[in-house]
């Protein structure tokens, strides 16, 4: 099979396949068990979400893995659904009708939405590249600051060590001086005591001679 044939086959498959979103939505509307929450209108040309809160809380998570009603409505808009009235959540699409499930494969997303999504994707890529460049520059700046801070910290550690050594040396010298003073004081006291003892002994020895 040549490339043209493959492309034609893929296009046919794409054309006649039904988007999962539409199938899931059709299942919810078609199910009689959910008629008190969402159902067809009288002639089956539109569907009405009668209780949006319950629809989002109880039904959406069963098929869409989320409970965001606004997101569901946005998806409807991308497939060409329109809101019929402002008084309630009633939507219509000429190919979304009761009992005509085979028409679903003819519903396609709006091209403008696809282009917008592609545009947003390109914008996201450019934004990511820009943010990445900013982060890289910031990383380089922080690395430089880290080197400077490390150098300053090393200098401060060295100064603190020098100061500690100086204080220790001064403290030791002061202690030695204090000890020397104490020794000198003790010597002076001993000397005075010795002189006092000699004087006292002399007086005792001379006392009989004076009499």
Foldseek 3Di string as FASTA:
>chain_A
DDPVVVVVVVVVCLLQDFPLLLVLVLVQQQDPVCVVQKYAPPQFFKIFGNNLQCCLVPPCCVRPVHRDSVVNVVVCVQQPWDQPDPVGRMIGDRQRGPPRVSSRSNTDGDPVVVVVVVVVVVVVVVVVVVVVVVVVVVVVVVVVVVVVVVVVVVVVVVVVVVVVVVVVVVVVVVVVVVVVVVVVVVVVVVVVVVVVVVVVVVCVVCVVVVD
